[in-house]
């Protein structure tokens, strides 16, 4: 696994006790280290997936990087594509092996993270399963000018982030 450490990229293994960022007080780090039992459905060296202990539906699983990071923005770029690939595989497995008609995929960044360690929820879905879209109330923009101000802020913010990461 390739990780950033002191502004350099270094190679570490998930079971290495000196692995940057792993925390003894993090439940998911302890699961990844094998210190806490979990119903594992994937272990590929960099990622671990296991059944959620409080599933929305049977087959609801969590995919975590073995390296501790809290929000998605802390995930090393080298692990971003494998995270998406592993999520796709979990979705396909849930549909094919459990007969789900689709999946709900979610990531909380900081807010609503019951465990402060990046994790992707892959939840089996079926028509009329009781879940109604998003779990929170939706709203509208006050008017066209508010929507345009938000759009421009995000547009310019993303451009600034891209240019700062390319230096």
Protein backbone atom coordinates (compact mmCIF):
# COMPACT_ATOMS: atom_id res chain seq x y z
CA UNK A 1 0.00 0.00 0.00
CA UNK A 2 1.31 3.47 -0.85
CA UNK A 3 0.67 6.20 1.73
CA UNK A 4 1.62 9.84 2.26
CA UNK A 5 3.97 10.30 5.22
CA UNK A 6 5.92 13.48 6.00
CA UNK A 7 5.17 14.77 2.49
CA UNK A 8 6.64 11.62 0.91
CA UNK A 9 4.93 8.50 -0.42
CA UNK A 10 5.90 5.42 1.56
CA UNK A 11 4.93 1.76 1.41
CA UNK A 12 3.21 0.25 4.44
CA UNK A 13 1.16 -2.83 5.12
CA UNK A 14 -2.17 -2.69 6.97
CA UNK A 15 -0.89 -4.93 9.79
CA UNK A 16 2.19 -2.74 10.31
CA UNK A 17 1.83 -1.19 13.81
CA UNK A 18 3.71 1.89 12.57
CA UNK A 19 1.26 2.42 9.71
CA UNK A 20 0.54 6.16 9.64
CA UNK A 21 -2.88 7.09 10.92
CA UNK A 22 -4.09 3.82 12.46
CA UNK A 23 -5.60 4.39 15.87
CA UNK A 24 -6.00 1.97 18.75
CA UNK A 25 -9.16 3.83 19.83
CA UNK A 26 -10.89 3.38 16.44
CA UNK A 27 -13.32 0.45 16.24
CA UNK A 28 -12.81 0.01 12.48
CA UNK A 29 -9.00 0.09 12.82
CA UNK A 30 -9.35 -2.63 15.46
CA UNK A 31 -11.61 -4.66 13.14
CA UNK A 32 -9.09 -4.21 10.29
CA UNK A 33 -6.29 -5.40 12.60
CA UNK A 34 -8.30 -8.49 13.58
CA UNK A 35 -8.63 -7.36 17.19
CA UNK A 36 -12.43 -7.14 17.01
CA UNK A 37 -14.55 -9.77 15.28
CA UNK A 38 -16.62 -8.88 12.22
CA UNK A 39 -18.49 -10.82 9.54
CA UNK A 40 -15.97 -10.20 6.75
CA UNK A 41 -17.07 -10.37 3.10
CA UNK A 42 -13.88 -8.89 1.56
CA UNK A 43 -10.26 -8.55 2.62
CA UNK A 44 -7.97 -7.51 -0.23
CA UNK A 45 -5.07 -6.06 1.74
CA UNK A 46 -6.04 -2.39 1.41
CA UNK A 47 -9.79 -2.70 2.09
CA UNK A 48 -12.07 -4.68 4.32
CA UNK A 49 -15.83 -5.15 3.91
CA UNK A 50 -18.05 -6.65 6.57
CA UNK A 51 -21.72 -6.93 7.45
CA UNK A 52 -23.14 -3.96 9.34
CA UNK A 53 -24.11 -5.07 12.85
CA UNK A 54 -27.27 -2.94 12.64
CA UNK A 55 -28.31 -3.44 9.00
CA UNK A 56 -31.08 -1.56 7.25
CA UNK A 57 -31.66 -4.87 5.42
CA UNK A 58 -29.83 -8.23 5.44
CA UNK A 59 -26.68 -7.88 3.36
CA UNK A 60 -26.04 -4.23 4.35
CA UNK A 61 -22.26 -4.08 4.44
CA UNK A 62 -19.58 -1.53 5.19
CA UNK A 63 -16.44 -1.11 3.09
CA UNK A 64 -13.48 0.51 4.85
CA UNK A 65 -9.89 1.30 3.97
CA UNK A 66 -7.64 -0.53 6.41
CA UNK A 67 -5.63 2.66 6.83
CA UNK A 68 -7.40 5.04 9.18
CA UNK A 69 -8.87 8.14 7.63
CA UNK A 70 -12.03 9.93 8.67
CA UNK A 71 -13.48 11.86 5.75
CA UNK A 72 -13.27 10.79 2.13
CA UNK A 73 -11.00 13.78 1.47
CA UNK A 74 -8.26 12.14 3.62
CA UNK A 75 -8.17 9.00 1.46
CA UNK A 76 -4.84 8.81 -0.42
CA UNK A 77 -5.43 9.37 -4.15
CA UNK A 78 -3.88 5.99 -4.94
CA UNK A 79 -6.73 4.32 -3.01
CA UNK A 80 -9.62 6.30 -4.55
CA UNK A 81 -10.07 4.12 -7.65
CA UNK A 82 -9.79 0.85 -5.67
CA UNK A 83 -12.41 2.20 -3.23
CA UNK A 84 -14.84 2.78 -6.10
CA UNK A 85 -14.00 -0.58 -7.70
CA UNK A 86 -14.58 -2.42 -4.42
CA UNK A 87 -17.86 -0.55 -3.94
CA UNK A 88 -18.97 -1.61 -7.44
CA UNK A 89 -18.11 -5.24 -6.68
CA UNK A 90 -20.06 -5.09 -3.38
CA UNK A 91 -23.08 -3.67 -5.25
CA UNK A 92 -22.94 -6.42 -7.86
CA UNK A 93 -22.54 -9.13 -5.21
CA UNK A 94 -25.51 -7.82 -3.22
CA UNK A 95 -27.69 -7.79 -6.32
CA UNK A 96 -26.59 -11.13 -7.75
CA UNK A 97 -26.13 -13.16 -4.58
CA UNK A 98 -28.99 -11.74 -2.50
CA UNK A 99 -31.49 -11.05 -5.26
CA UNK A 100 -31.58 -7.32 -4.56
CA UNK A 101 -33.07 -5.15 -7.30
CA UNK A 102 -30.54 -2.41 -6.66
CA UNK A 103 -28.40 -0.84 -3.95
CA UNK A 104 -28.19 2.33 -1.92
CA UNK A 105 -24.59 3.55 -1.53
CA UNK A 106 -23.74 6.19 1.05
CA UNK A 107 -20.71 7.83 2.67
CA UNK A 108 -20.96 10.24 5.58
CA UNK A 109 -18.13 12.75 5.98
CA UNK A 110 -17.75 13.68 9.65
CA UNK A 111 -21.42 14.45 10.33
CA UNK A 112 -23.45 11.30 11.07
CA UNK A 113 -20.39 9.04 11.13
CA UNK A 114 -21.18 6.69 13.99
CA UNK A 115 -17.56 5.50 13.75
CA UNK A 116 -15.09 8.24 12.73
CA UNK A 117 -13.39 6.13 10.05
CA UNK A 118 -14.23 6.36 6.35
CA UNK A 119 -16.81 3.73 5.43
CA UNK A 120 -19.07 3.13 2.47
CA UNK A 121 -22.51 1.70 3.16
CA UNK A 122 -23.76 -0.74 0.50
CA UNK A 123 -27.41 -1.49 1.23
CA UNK A 124 -29.55 -3.95 -0.75
CA UNK A 125 -32.71 -2.37 -2.16
CA UNK A 126 -35.98 -3.77 -3.43
CA UNK A 127 -39.10 -2.06 -4.69
CA UNK A 128 -41.39 -1.12 -1.79
CA UNK A 129 -38.74 -1.99 0.83
CA UNK A 130 -39.79 0.98 2.96
CA UNK A 131 -36.87 3.32 2.32
CA UNK A 132 -38.05 6.60 0.88
CA UNK A 133 -35.35 8.38 -1.10
CA UNK A 134 -33.08 10.36 1.17
CA UNK A 135 -33.57 10.09 4.91
CA UNK A 136 -33.82 13.84 5.53
CA UNK A 137 -36.14 16.63 4.45
CA UNK A 138 -35.37 18.27 1.14
CA UNK A 139 -35.77 21.96 0.43
CA UNK A 140 -35.70 24.44 -2.44
CA UNK A 141 -33.45 27.38 -3.12
CA UNK A 142 -34.94 30.68 -1.98
CA UNK A 143 -34.75 32.00 -5.55
CA UNK A 144 -32.71 31.89 -8.76
CA UNK A 145 -30.03 34.24 -7.37
CA UNK A 146 -29.36 32.00 -4.35
CA UNK A 147 -29.02 28.93 -6.60
CA UNK A 148 -26.63 30.82 -8.93
CA UNK A 149 -24.52 32.06 -5.99
CA UNK A 150 -24.17 28.50 -4.69
CA UNK A 151 -23.35 27.18 -8.17
CA UNK A 152 -20.64 29.80 -8.70
CA UNK A 153 -19.12 29.23 -5.25
CA UNK A 154 -18.83 25.51 -5.94
CA UNK A 155 -17.60 26.00 -9.50
CA UNK A 156 -14.81 28.36 -8.42
CA UNK A 157 -14.02 26.31 -5.32
CA UNK A 158 -13.51 23.12 -7.34
CA UNK A 159 -11.33 24.98 -9.87
CA UNK A 160 -9.20 26.31 -7.00
CA UNK A 161 -8.88 22.86 -5.43
CA UNK A 162 -7.86 21.27 -8.73
CA UNK A 163 -5.20 23.89 -9.44
CA UNK A 164 -3.74 23.64 -5.92
CA UNK A 165 -3.43 19.83 -6.14
CA UNK A 166 -1.68 20.04 -9.53
CA UNK A 167 1.24 22.10 -8.19
